[in-house]
Amino acid sequence: MLRRALLASALSAPVIARAQGFTAGRPVSIVLPYSPSAGQEVTSRILTEGFAESFGGGTYVNDHRPGAGTTVAARYVARARPDGTTLLLATNVTFTMAQYAYRNPGFDPDADFHHISLLSEALYFVAAQPKWQSVEHLVAEAKRRPGELVYTSWGVGSVAHLLGVDFCRRNTIDMLHMPFNGTPPALIEIIAGRADMIFTTMAAALPHVQGGRLRAIATPSPQRIPGYPDLPTMQELGYEDFVMLPWYSLSAPPGLPPALLEKLEDSVKRSFATAAAAAKLAENGLVPAGRGRADMLARIVEDRRRNRELMRLAGIQPE
């Protein structure tokens, strides 16, 4: 009887330990800067499933804190206790654009965070009315009719807006920018024939492209998109360095123990390197990007330089 009890105790001990996670049983909040959306939800799911495997269980909760160009979520995490229970699933907007849109975003994007890793990147389409056969076709018409063609976006200072600004600058064309509160109305305006094109996430445009309501005429991704081998990249069309892969990333409040940061980084790398993760992301127009802290820091520097210049060209002043 005693032997049986000891054996049962020995078998249950690892299970109890595995349920602790890296915060000794306390729930971990993954703070998200947007309302629920497929891209960030699947990215968070891969992240937390990887944590559960790496750290032996744990409880992980998505904490949505949208608002003010992702700065509401970032401010919250920057001031959180550095004990691992609060992590930020941020975007490129948070660390490479917000500081140029807001005079006081409420956080320092460098000093107020430990940046851990990129997680995933979003594939983009150049989507247009079906009547536009190619980028060249659209540009030729824009040159023939200055100020008449329209590109849409989900807001002033958004990725879609800045790409439109860069596109017009490179072609020396004048197109009207029509911003909306969100991607769906921006797409609907094109589908209805009242606008001409948009730089948008593949995930948002794909149902309309497949349904023939929009035409994908190019991609600002660095390589052609799997499944769309005939869709040229902007670089292939002669637009040097015209690349945009918006990203999700993982960061923590300053002061998190270095040993834990290293373990979190390692977990991300392994979680996002699997074929299963790549398949889940592909279903939502994303690709894996879990390459660690060094790559994330380099990407922040690169994107910040470009976005600063594009916001200047767009005439955007910090509010």
C-alpha atoms as a PDB file:
ATOM      1  CA  MET A   1       0.000   0.000   0.000  1.00  0.00           C
ATOM      2  CA  LEU A   2       2.818   2.412   0.951  1.00  0.00           C
ATOM      3  CA  ARG A   3       4.727   1.497  -2.199  1.00  0.00           C
ATOM      4  CA  ARG A   4       1.629   2.177  -4.288  1.00  0.00           C
ATOM      5  CA  ALA A   5       1.124   5.577  -2.616  1.00  0.00           C
ATOM      6  CA  LEU A   6       4.754   6.552  -3.184  1.00  0.00           C
ATOM      7  CA  LEU A   7       4.519   5.532  -6.828  1.00  0.00           C
ATOM      8  CA  ALA A   8       1.343   7.582  -7.283  1.00  0.00           C
ATOM      9  CA  SER A   9       3.055  10.555  -5.658  1.00  0.00           C
ATOM     10  CA  ALA A  10       6.088  10.223  -7.912  1.00  0.00           C
ATOM     11  CA  LEU A  11       3.936  10.078 -11.033  1.00  0.00           C
ATOM     12  CA  SER A  12       1.853  13.105 -10.041  1.00  0.00           C
ATOM     13  CA  ALA A  13       4.764  15.362  -9.051  1.00  0.00           C
ATOM     14  CA  PRO A  14       5.925  16.141 -12.613  1.00  0.00           C
ATOM     15  CA  VAL A  15       2.330  16.912 -13.613  1.00  0.00           C
ATOM     16  CA  ILE A  16       2.054  19.490 -10.813  1.00  0.00           C
ATOM     17  CA  ALA A  17       5.396  20.973 -11.814  1.00  0.00           C
ATOM     18  CA  ARG A  18       4.381  21.077 -15.476  1.00  0.00           C
ATOM     19  CA  ALA A  19       1.265  23.041 -14.625  1.00  0.00           C
ATOM     20  CA  GLN A  20       3.287  25.921 -13.209  1.00  0.00           C
ATOM     21  CA  GLY A  21       4.642  27.500 -16.382  1.00  0.00           C
ATOM     22  CA  PHE A  22       7.349  30.179 -16.048  1.00  0.00           C
ATOM     23  CA  THR A  23       5.345  32.295 -13.581  1.00  0.00           C
ATOM     24  CA  ALA A  24       4.864  29.644 -10.892  1.00  0.00           C
ATOM     25  CA  GLY A  25       1.210  29.079 -11.655  1.00  0.00           C
ATOM     26  CA  ARG A  26       0.145  32.717 -12.073  1.00  0.00           C
ATOM     27  CA  PRO A  27      -1.693  33.492 -15.344  1.00  0.00           C
ATOM     28  CA  VAL A  28       0.226  35.251 -18.101  1.00  0.00           C
ATOM     29  CA  SER A  29      -1.494  38.106 -19.946  1.00  0.00           C
ATOM     30  CA  ILE A  30      -0.606  38.430 -23.617  1.00  0.00           C
ATOM     31  CA  VAL A  31      -1.537  42.066 -24.230  1.00  0.00           C
ATOM     32  CA  LEU A  32      -2.782  42.691 -27.778  1.00  0.00           C
ATOM     33  CA  PRO A  33      -3.020  46.188 -29.318  1.00  0.00           C
ATOM     34  CA  TYR A  34      -6.060  45.530 -31.517  1.00  0.00           C
ATOM     35  CA  SER A  35      -9.568  44.165 -31.193  1.00  0.00           C
ATOM     36  CA  PRO A  36      -9.745  40.425 -31.998  1.00  0.00           C
ATOM     37  CA  SER A  37      -8.524  39.630 -35.507  1.00  0.00           C
ATOM     38  CA  ALA A  38      -7.385  36.447 -37.180  1.00  0.00           C
ATOM     39  CA  GLY A  39      -3.743  37.381 -37.670  1.00  0.00           C
ATOM     40  CA  GLN A  40      -2.935  38.339 -34.102  1.00  0.00           C
ATOM     41  CA  GLU A  41      -5.103  35.548 -32.652  1.00  0.00           C
ATOM     42  CA  VAL A  42      -3.336  32.758 -34.559  1.00  0.00           C
ATOM     43  CA  THR A  43       0.041  34.324 -33.780  1.00  0.00           C
ATOM     44  CA  SER A  44      -0.813  34.449 -30.083  1.00  0.00           C
ATOM     45  CA  ARG A  45      -2.055  30.862 -30.148  1.00  0.00           C
ATOM     46  CA  ILE A  46       1.204  29.551 -31.636  1.00  0.00           C
ATOM     47  CA  LEU A  47       3.142  31.626 -29.097  1.00  0.00           C
ATOM     48  CA  THR A  48       1.263  30.369 -26.037  1.00  0.00           C
ATOM     49  CA  GLU A  49       1.115  26.755 -27.187  1.00  0.00           C
ATOM     50  CA  GLY A  50       4.893  26.959 -27.548  1.00  0.00           C
ATOM     51  CA  PHE A  51       5.213  28.427 -24.053  1.00  0.00           C
ATOM     52  CA  ALA A  52       3.083  25.632 -22.606  1.00  0.00           C
ATOM     53  CA  GLU A  53       5.335  23.045 -24.230  1.00  0.00           C
ATOM     54  CA  SER A  54       8.597  24.808 -23.364  1.00  0.00           C
ATOM     55  CA  PHE A  55       7.728  25.649 -19.764  1.00  0.00           C
ATOM     56  CA  GLY A  56       5.467  22.794 -18.814  1.00  0.00           C
ATOM     57  CA  GLY A  57       1.976  24.212 -18.955  1.00  0.00           C
ATOM     58  CA  GLY A  58       0.767  27.519 -17.603  1.00  0.00           C
ATOM     59  CA  THR A  59      -2.295  29.691 -18.096  1.00  0.00           C
ATOM     60  CA  TYR A  60      -2.230  32.274 -20.903  1.00  0.00           C
ATOM     61  CA  VAL A  61      -4.906  34.893 -21.514  1.00  0.00           C
ATOM     62  CA  ASN A  62      -5.305  37.289 -24.447  1.00  0.00           C
ATOM     63  CA  ASP A  63      -5.832  40.792 -23.057  1.00  0.00           C
ATOM     64  CA  HIS A  64      -7.083  43.097 -25.841  1.00  0.00           C
ATOM     65  CA  ARG A  65      -6.289  46.782 -25.237  1.00  0.00           C
ATOM     66  CA  PRO A  66      -6.898  48.556 -28.552  1.00  0.00           C
ATOM     67  CA  GLY A  67      -6.637  52.281 -29.166  1.00  0.00           C
ATOM     68  CA  ALA A  68      -4.424  55.234 -30.124  1.00  0.00           C
ATOM     69  CA  GLY A  69      -2.380  53.452 -32.761  1.00  0.00           C
ATOM     70  CA  THR A  70      -1.379  50.537 -30.459  1.00  0.00           C
ATOM     71  CA  THR A  71      -0.031  52.918 -27.796  1.00  0.00           C
ATOM     72  CA  VAL A  72      -2.679  52.036 -25.186  1.00  0.00           C
ATOM     73  CA  ALA A  73      -1.435  48.445 -25.018  1.00  0.00           C
ATOM     74  CA  ALA A  74       2.215  49.479 -25.140  1.00  0.00           C
ATOM     75  CA  ARG A  75       1.862  51.967 -22.267  1.00  0.00           C
ATOM     76  CA  TYR A  76       0.160  49.343 -20.143  1.00  0.00           C
ATOM     77  CA  VAL A  77       2.937  46.796 -20.614  1.00  0.00           C
ATOM     78  CA  ALA A  78       5.740  49.347 -20.232  1.00  0.00           C
ATOM     79  CA  ARG A  79       4.472  50.045 -16.698  1.00  0.00           C
ATOM     80  CA  ALA A  80       3.710  46.448 -15.753  1.00  0.00           C
ATOM     81  CA  ARG A  81       5.548  44.484 -13.084  1.00  0.00           C
ATOM     82  CA  PRO A  82       8.569  42.712 -14.669  1.00  0.00           C
ATOM     83  CA  ASP A  83       7.683  39.260 -13.389  1.00  0.00           C
ATOM     84  CA  GLY A  84       6.718  37.565 -16.653  1.00  0.00           C
ATOM     85  CA  THR A  85       2.967  37.793 -16.088  1.00  0.00           C
ATOM     86  CA  THR A  86       2.495  40.611 -18.643  1.00  0.00           C
ATOM     87  CA  LEU A  87       3.883  40.431 -22.185  1.00  0.00           C
ATOM     88  CA  LEU A  88       3.192  42.578 -25.245  1.00  0.00           C
ATOM     89  CA  LEU A  89       2.325  41.109 -28.620  1.00  0.00           C
ATOM     90  CA  ALA A  90       3.114  44.300 -30.516  1.00  0.00           C
ATOM     91  CA  THR A  91       3.321  45.310 -34.171  1.00  0.00           C
ATOM     92  CA  ASN A  92       5.663  47.312 -36.365  1.00  0.00           C
ATOM     93  CA  VAL A  93       3.312  50.276 -35.773  1.00  0.00           C
ATOM     94  CA  THR A  94       4.121  50.223 -32.050  1.00  0.00           C
ATOM     95  CA  PHE A  95       7.877  50.518 -32.343  1.00  0.00           C
ATOM     96  CA  THR A  96       8.515  52.108 -35.750  1.00  0.00           C
ATOM     97  CA  MET A  97       5.575  54.438 -36.420  1.00  0.00           C
ATOM     98  CA  ALA A  98       3.817  55.562 -33.241  1.00  0.00           C
ATOM     99  CA  GLN A  99       6.615  57.885 -32.153  1.00  0.00           C
ATOM    100  CA  TYR A 100       6.192  59.852 -35.403  1.00  0.00           C
ATOM    101  CA  ALA A 101       2.405  60.055 -35.081  1.00  0.00           C
ATOM    102  CA  TYR A 102       2.191  61.091 -31.412  1.00  0.00           C
ATOM    103  CA  ARG A 103       4.194  63.754 -29.619  1.00  0.00           C
ATOM    104  CA  ASN A 104       3.931  61.776 -26.409  1.00  0.00           C
ATOM    105  CA  PRO A 105       2.970  58.133 -26.997  1.00  0.00           C
ATOM    106  CA  GLY A 106       3.478  57.472 -23.284  1.00  0.00           C
ATOM    107  CA  PHE A 107       6.425  55.129 -23.622  1.00  0.00           C
ATOM    108  CA  ASP A 108       9.951  54.964 -24.956  1.00  0.00           C
ATOM    109  CA  PRO A 109       9.997  52.228 -27.626  1.00  0.00           C
ATOM    110  CA  ASP A 110      13.583  51.326 -26.745  1.00  0.00           C
ATOM    111  CA  ALA A 111      14.152  52.002 -23.052  1.00  0.00           C
ATOM    112  CA  ASP A 112      10.762  50.820 -21.796  1.00  0.00           C
ATOM    113  CA  PHE A 113      10.891  47.293 -23.219  1.00  0.00           C
ATOM    114  CA  HIS A 114      12.937  44.155 -23.515  1.00  0.00           C
ATOM    115  CA  HIS A 115      12.399  43.172 -27.141  1.00  0.00           C
ATOM    116  CA  ILE A 116      12.382  39.385 -27.423  1.00  0.00           C
ATOM    117  CA  SER A 117      11.607  38.370 -31.005  1.00  0.00           C
ATOM    118  CA  LEU A 118       9.625  38.911 -34.153  1.00  0.00           C
ATOM    119  CA  LEU A 119       6.789  36.368 -34.377  1.00  0.00           C
ATOM    120  CA  SER A 120       5.057  36.576 -37.742  1.00  0.00           C
ATOM    121  CA  GLU A 121       4.899  38.784 -40.813  1.00  0.00           C
ATOM    122  CA  ALA A 122       1.866  39.729 -42.905  1.00  0.00           C
ATOM    123  CA  LEU A 123       1.839  39.213 -46.658  1.00  0.00           C
ATOM    124  CA  TYR A 124       0.413  42.110 -48.685  1.00  0.00           C
ATOM    125  CA  PHE A 125      -1.361  42.470 -52.018  1.00  0.00           C
ATOM    126  CA  VAL A 126      -1.576  45.473 -54.269  1.00  0.00           C
ATOM    127  CA  ALA A 127      -5.318  45.054 -54.856  1.00  0.00           C
ATOM    128  CA  ALA A 128      -7.222  47.004 -57.490  1.00  0.00           C
ATOM    129  CA  GLN A 129     -10.423  47.181 -59.436  1.00  0.00           C
ATOM    130  CA  PRO A 130     -10.543  44.224 -61.855  1.00  0.00           C
ATOM    131  CA  LYS A 131     -10.353  46.616 -64.815  1.00  0.00           C
ATOM    132  CA  TRP A 132      -6.722  47.368 -63.950  1.00  0.00           C
ATOM    133  CA  GLN A 133      -4.703  44.617 -65.576  1.00  0.00           C
ATOM    134  CA  SER A 134      -1.346  45.481 -64.015  1.00  0.00           C
ATOM    135  CA  VAL A 135       0.596  48.080 -62.030  1.00  0.00           C
ATOM    136  CA  GLU A 136       1.878  49.518 -65.310  1.00  0.00           C
ATOM    137  CA  HIS A 137      -1.674  49.878 -66.626  1.00  0.00           C
ATOM    138  CA  LEU A 138      -2.798  51.732 -63.503  1.00  0.00           C
ATOM    139  CA  VAL A 139       0.240  54.037 -63.455  1.00  0.00           C
ATOM    140  CA  ALA A 140      -0.200  54.943 -67.125  1.00  0.00           C
ATOM    141  CA  GLU A 141      -3.811  55.955 -66.467  1.00  0.00           C
ATOM    142  CA  ALA A 142      -2.815  57.909 -63.336  1.00  0.00           C
ATOM    143  CA  LYS A 143      -0.325  59.885 -65.423  1.00  0.00           C
ATOM    144  CA  ARG A 144      -2.965  60.535 -68.064  1.00  0.00           C
ATOM    145  CA  ARG A 145      -5.517  61.704 -65.464  1.00  0.00           C
ATOM    146  CA  PRO A 146      -3.628  63.489 -62.647  1.00  0.00           C
ATOM    147  CA  GLY A 147      -5.521  63.660 -59.356  1.00  0.00           C
ATOM    148  CA  GLU A 148      -8.441  61.535 -60.559  1.00  0.00           C
ATOM    149  CA  LEU A 149      -7.476  58.016 -59.511  1.00  0.00           C
ATOM    150  CA  VAL A 150      -7.975  57.077 -55.856  1.00  0.00           C
ATOM    151  CA  TYR A 151      -6.167  54.780 -53.441  1.00  0.00           C
ATOM    152  CA  THR A 152      -7.742  53.867 -50.105  1.00  0.00           C
ATOM    153  CA  SER A 153      -6.356  52.987 -46.683  1.00  0.00           C
ATOM    154  CA  TRP A 154      -7.523  52.216 -43.159  1.00  0.00           C
ATOM    155  CA  GLY A 155      -6.379  55.588 -41.868  1.00  0.00           C
ATOM    156  CA  VAL A 156      -3.971  58.491 -42.180  1.00  0.00           C
ATOM    157  CA  GLY A 157      -0.470  57.322 -41.263  1.00  0.00           C
ATOM    158  CA  SER A 158      -1.355  53.645 -41.720  1.00  0.00           C
ATOM    159  CA  VAL A 159       0.869  51.216 -43.601  1.00  0.00           C
ATOM    160  CA  ALA A 160      -1.550  51.365 -46.549  1.00  0.00           C
ATOM    161  CA  HIS A 161      -1.345  55.165 -46.593  1.00  0.00           C
ATOM    162  CA  LEU A 162       2.445  55.295 -46.432  1.00  0.00           C
ATOM    163  CA  LEU A 163       2.836  52.699 -49.182  1.00  0.00           C
ATOM    164  CA  GLY A 164       0.488  54.766 -51.340  1.00  0.00           C
ATOM    165  CA  VAL A 165       2.578  57.871 -50.691  1.00  0.00           C
ATOM    166  CA  ASP A 166       5.752  56.017 -51.674  1.00  0.00           C
ATOM    167  CA  PHE A 167       4.075  54.562 -54.773  1.00  0.00           C
ATOM    168  CA  CYS A 168       2.971  57.996 -55.989  1.00  0.00           C
ATOM    169  CA  ARG A 169       6.368  59.537 -55.243  1.00  0.00           C
ATOM    170  CA  ARG A 170       8.269  56.887 -57.168  1.00  0.00           C
ATOM    171  CA  ASN A 171       5.995  57.230 -60.208  1.00  0.00           C
ATOM    172  CA  THR A 172       5.658  61.030 -60.022  1.00  0.00           C
ATOM    173  CA  ILE A 173       1.880  60.676 -60.102  1.00  0.00           C
ATOM    174  CA  ASP A 174      -0.899  62.412 -58.216  1.00  0.00           C
ATOM    175  CA  MET A 175      -3.527  60.081 -56.744  1.00  0.00           C
ATOM    176  CA  LEU A 176      -6.175  61.013 -54.195  1.00  0.00           C
ATOM    177  CA  HIS A 177      -5.853  59.314 -50.791  1.00  0.00           C
ATOM    178  CA  MET A 178      -9.184  58.224 -49.287  1.00  0.00           C
ATOM    179  CA  PRO A 179      -8.775  57.003 -45.656  1.00  0.00           C
ATOM    180  CA  PHE A 180     -11.375  54.893 -43.845  1.00  0.00           C
ATOM    181  CA  ASN A 181     -11.874  53.603 -40.335  1.00  0.00           C
ATOM    182  CA  GLY A 182     -10.800  50.031 -40.994  1.00  0.00           C
ATOM    183  CA  THR A 183      -9.881  47.767 -43.892  1.00  0.00           C
ATOM    184  CA  PRO A 184     -13.347  46.421 -44.872  1.00  0.00           C
ATOM    185  CA  PRO A 185     -14.801  49.829 -45.868  1.00  0.00           C
ATOM    186  CA  ALA A 186     -11.571  50.678 -47.711  1.00  0.00           C
ATOM    187  CA  LEU A 187     -11.941  47.507 -49.779  1.00  0.00           C
ATOM    188  CA  ILE A 188     -15.664  48.009 -50.349  1.00  0.00           C
ATOM    189  CA  GLU A 189     -14.992  51.445 -51.852  1.00  0.00           C
ATOM    190  CA  ILE A 190     -12.819  49.812 -54.520  1.00  0.00           C
ATOM    191  CA  ILE A 191     -15.266  46.971 -55.106  1.00  0.00           C
ATOM    192  CA  ALA A 192     -18.025  49.551 -55.588  1.00  0.00           C
ATOM    193  CA  GLY A 193     -15.938  51.285 -58.256  1.00  0.00           C
ATOM    194  CA  ARG A 194     -15.462  54.529 -56.344  1.00  0.00           C
ATOM    195  CA  ALA A 195     -11.725  53.964 -55.778  1.00  0.00           C
ATOM    196  CA  ASP A 196      -8.973  52.228 -57.692  1.00  0.00           C
ATOM    197  CA  MET A 197      -6.429  50.464 -55.504  1.00  0.00           C
ATOM    198  CA  ILE A 198      -5.088  49.685 -52.050  1.00  0.00           C
ATOM    199  CA  PHE A 199      -2.016  48.158 -50.432  1.00  0.00           C
ATOM    200  CA  THR A 200      -3.634  45.670 -48.075  1.00  0.00           C
ATOM    201  CA  THR A 201      -3.103  42.461 -46.172  1.00  0.00           C
ATOM    202  CA  MET A 202      -3.502  39.339 -48.229  1.00  0.00           C
ATOM    203  CA  ALA A 203      -5.874  37.934 -45.596  1.00  0.00           C
ATOM    204  CA  ALA A 204      -8.327  40.826 -45.963  1.00  0.00           C
ATOM    205  CA  ALA A 205      -8.286  40.955 -49.761  1.00  0.00           C
ATOM    206  CA  LEU A 206      -8.112  37.253 -50.604  1.00  0.00           C
ATOM    207  CA  PRO A 207     -11.858  36.430 -50.507  1.00  0.00           C
ATOM    208  CA  HIS A 208     -12.531  39.360 -52.855  1.00  0.00           C
ATOM    209  CA  VAL A 209      -9.647  38.399 -55.154  1.00  0.00           C
ATOM    210  CA  GLN A 210     -10.870  34.819 -55.313  1.00  0.00           C
ATOM    211  CA  GLY A 211     -14.407  36.052 -55.947  1.00  0.00           C
ATOM    212  CA  GLY A 212     -13.288  38.283 -58.823  1.00  0.00           C
ATOM    213  CA  ARG A 213     -14.329  41.500 -57.074  1.00  0.00           C
ATOM    214  CA  LEU A 214     -10.712  42.670 -56.778  1.00  0.00           C
ATOM    215  CA  ARG A 215      -7.598  41.920 -58.797  1.00  0.00           C
ATOM    216  CA  ALA A 216      -4.213  41.332 -57.154  1.00  0.00           C
ATOM    217  CA  ILE A 217      -1.702  43.059 -59.429  1.00  0.00           C
ATOM    218  CA  ALA A 218       1.500  42.848 -57.352  1.00  0.00           C
ATOM    219  CA  THR A 219       2.911  42.268 -53.878  1.00  0.00           C
ATOM    220  CA  PRO A 220       5.334  44.375 -51.823  1.00  0.00           C
ATOM    221  CA  SER A 221       6.717  41.182 -50.280  1.00  0.00           C
ATOM    222  CA  PRO A 222      10.399  40.396 -50.918  1.00  0.00           C
ATOM    223  CA  GLN A 223       9.525  37.160 -52.761  1.00  0.00           C
ATOM    224  CA  ARG A 224       6.543  35.926 -54.722  1.00  0.00           C
ATOM    225  CA  ILE A 225       3.748  34.582 -52.551  1.00  0.00           C
ATOM    226  CA  PRO A 226       3.317  30.787 -52.421  1.00  0.00           C
ATOM    227  CA  GLY A 227       0.180  29.856 -54.306  1.00  0.00           C
ATOM    228  CA  TYR A 228       0.427  32.997 -56.456  1.00  0.00           C
ATOM    229  CA  PRO A 229       3.500  32.313 -58.616  1.00  0.00           C
ATOM    230  CA  ASP A 230       2.353  34.696 -61.374  1.00  0.00           C
ATOM    231  CA  LEU A 231       1.960  37.682 -59.045  1.00  0.00           C
ATOM    232  CA  PRO A 232       5.082  39.881 -59.419  1.00  0.00           C
ATOM    233  CA  THR A 233       6.799  41.608 -56.548  1.00  0.00           C
ATOM    234  CA  MET A 234       7.134  45.362 -56.667  1.00  0.00           C
ATOM    235  CA  GLN A 235      10.899  44.921 -56.828  1.00  0.00           C
ATOM    236  CA  GLU A 236      10.548  42.753 -59.933  1.00  0.00           C
ATOM    237  CA  LEU A 237       8.553  45.577 -61.511  1.00  0.00           C
ATOM    238  CA  GLY A 238      11.489  47.940 -60.990  1.00  0.00           C
ATOM    239  CA  TYR A 239      10.602  49.458 -57.607  1.00  0.00           C
ATOM    240  CA  GLU A 240      13.898  49.064 -55.790  1.00  0.00           C
ATOM    241  CA  ASP A 241      13.547  48.221 -52.074  1.00  0.00           C
ATOM    242  CA  PHE A 242       9.767  48.579 -52.272  1.00  0.00           C
ATOM    243  CA  VAL A 243       9.206  45.943 -49.598  1.00  0.00           C
ATOM    244  CA  MET A 244       6.695  45.859 -46.770  1.00  0.00           C
ATOM    245  CA  LEU A 245       6.187  42.963 -44.376  1.00  0.00           C
ATOM    246  CA  PRO A 246       4.351  44.311 -41.334  1.00  0.00           C
ATOM    247  CA  TRP A 247       5.034  42.188 -38.291  1.00  0.00           C
ATOM    248  CA  TYR A 248       3.907  40.983 -34.905  1.00  0.00           C
ATOM    249  CA  SER A 249       6.501  40.767 -32.161  1.00  0.00           C
ATOM    250  CA  LEU A 250       6.969  39.878 -28.492  1.00  0.00           C
ATOM    251  CA  SER A 251       8.277  42.315 -25.877  1.00  0.00           C
ATOM    252  CA  ALA A 252       8.350  42.467 -22.078  1.00  0.00           C
ATOM    253  CA  PRO A 253       8.602  45.241 -19.476  1.00  0.00           C
ATOM    254  CA  PRO A 254      12.127  46.327 -18.541  1.00  0.00           C
ATOM    255  CA  GLY A 255      13.685  44.432 -15.665  1.00  0.00           C
ATOM    256  CA  LEU A 256      12.664  40.909 -16.642  1.00  0.00           C
ATOM    257  CA  PRO A 257      15.431  38.488 -15.533  1.00  0.00           C
ATOM    258  CA  PRO A 258      17.934  37.809 -18.372  1.00  0.00           C
ATOM    259  CA  ALA A 259      17.645  34.049 -17.901  1.00  0.00           C
ATOM    260  CA  LEU A 260      13.886  34.184 -18.458  1.00  0.00           C
ATOM    261  CA  LEU A 261      14.273  36.462 -21.484  1.00  0.00           C
ATOM    262  CA  GLU A 262      16.649  33.959 -23.026  1.00  0.00           C
ATOM    263  CA  LYS A 263      14.217  31.102 -22.416  1.00  0.00           C
ATOM    264  CA  LEU A 264      11.321  33.072 -23.892  1.00  0.00           C
ATOM    265  CA  GLU A 265      13.381  33.883 -26.986  1.00  0.00           C
ATOM    266  CA  ASP A 266      14.349  30.241 -27.407  1.00  0.00           C
ATOM    267  CA  SER A 267      10.726  29.140 -27.050  1.00  0.00           C
ATOM    268  CA  VAL A 268       9.629  31.584 -29.762  1.00  0.00           C
ATOM    269  CA  LYS A 269      12.315  30.428 -32.171  1.00  0.00           C
ATOM    270  CA  ARG A 270      11.325  26.794 -31.774  1.00  0.00           C
ATOM    271  CA  SER A 271       7.563  27.392 -31.818  1.00  0.00           C
ATOM    272  CA  PHE A 272       7.538  29.416 -35.029  1.00  0.00           C
ATOM    273  CA  ALA A 273      10.008  27.131 -36.845  1.00  0.00           C
ATOM    274  CA  THR A 274       7.624  24.174 -37.136  1.00  0.00           C
ATOM    275  CA  ALA A 275       5.739  23.124 -40.246  1.00  0.00           C
ATOM    276  CA  ALA A 276       2.503  23.189 -38.245  1.00  0.00           C
ATOM    277  CA  ALA A 277       3.051  26.831 -37.273  1.00  0.00           C
ATOM    278  CA  ALA A 278       3.826  27.789 -40.875  1.00  0.00           C
ATOM    279  CA  ALA A 279       0.623  26.097 -42.063  1.00  0.00           C
ATOM    280  CA  LYS A 280      -1.540  27.855 -39.454  1.00  0.00           C
ATOM    281  CA  LEU A 281      -0.021  31.213 -40.321  1.00  0.00           C
ATOM    282  CA  ALA A 282      -0.384  30.662 -44.078  1.00  0.00           C
ATOM    283  CA  GLU A 283      -4.130  30.163 -43.630  1.00  0.00           C
ATOM    284  CA  ASN A 284      -4.242  33.757 -42.374  1.00  0.00           C
ATOM    285  CA  GLY A 285      -1.887  35.374 -44.879  1.00  0.00           C
ATOM    286  CA  LEU A 286       1.125  35.299 -42.546  1.00  0.00           C
ATOM    287  CA  VAL A 287       4.595  33.778 -42.533  1.00  0.00           C
ATOM    288  CA  PRO A 288       6.795  32.825 -39.541  1.00  0.00           C
ATOM    289  CA  ALA A 289       9.350  35.354 -38.320  1.00  0.00           C
ATOM    290  CA  GLY A 290      10.539  34.006 -34.961  1.00  0.00           C
ATOM    291  CA  ARG A 291      14.236  34.736 -35.351  1.00  0.00           C
ATOM    292  CA  GLY A 292      15.138  36.233 -31.980  1.00  0.00           C
ATOM    293  CA  ARG A 293      16.130  39.495 -30.330  1.00  0.00           C
ATOM    294  CA  ALA A 294      18.985  40.522 -32.639  1.00  0.00           C
ATOM    295  CA  ASP A 295      16.833  40.281 -35.764  1.00  0.00           C
ATOM    296  CA  MET A 296      14.022  42.189 -34.104  1.00  0.00           C
ATOM    297  CA  LEU A 297      16.280  45.053 -33.052  1.00  0.00           C
ATOM    298  CA  ALA A 298      17.761  45.285 -36.549  1.00  0.00           C
ATOM    299  CA  ARG A 299      14.283  45.281 -38.091  1.00  0.00           C
ATOM    300  CA  ILE A 300      13.145  48.082 -35.765  1.00  0.00           C
ATOM    301  CA  VAL A 301      16.067  50.264 -36.866  1.00  0.00           C
ATOM    302  CA  GLU A 302      15.461  49.543 -40.563  1.00  0.00           C
ATOM    303  CA  ASP A 303      11.699  50.105 -40.502  1.00  0.00           C
ATOM    304  CA  ARG A 304      11.958  53.195 -38.293  1.00  0.00           C
ATOM    305  CA  ARG A 305      14.276  54.890 -40.771  1.00  0.00           C
ATOM    306  CA  ARG A 306      11.938  54.223 -43.676  1.00  0.00           C
ATOM    307  CA  ASN A 307       8.720  55.102 -41.852  1.00  0.00           C
ATOM    308  CA  ARG A 308      10.128  58.371 -40.545  1.00  0.00           C
ATOM    309  CA  GLU A 309      10.833  59.478 -44.112  1.00  0.00           C
ATOM    310  CA  LEU A 310       7.479  58.263 -45.467  1.00  0.00           C
ATOM    311  CA  MET A 311       5.581  60.094 -42.736  1.00  0.00           C
ATOM    312  CA  ARG A 312       7.520  63.233 -43.576  1.00  0.00           C
ATOM    313  CA  LEU A 313       6.594  62.849 -47.254  1.00  0.00           C
ATOM    314  CA  ALA A 314       2.953  62.297 -46.252  1.00  0.00           C
ATOM    315  CA  GLY A 315       3.016  65.548 -44.279  1.00  0.00           C
ATOM    316  CA  ILE A 316       2.069  63.805 -41.037  1.00  0.00           C
ATOM    317  CA  GLN A 317       2.865  65.834 -37.941  1.00  0.00           C
ATOM    318  CA  PRO A 318       2.884  64.304 -34.428  1.00  0.00           C
ATOM    319  CA  GLU A 319      -0.363  65.002 -32.587  1.00  0.00           C
END
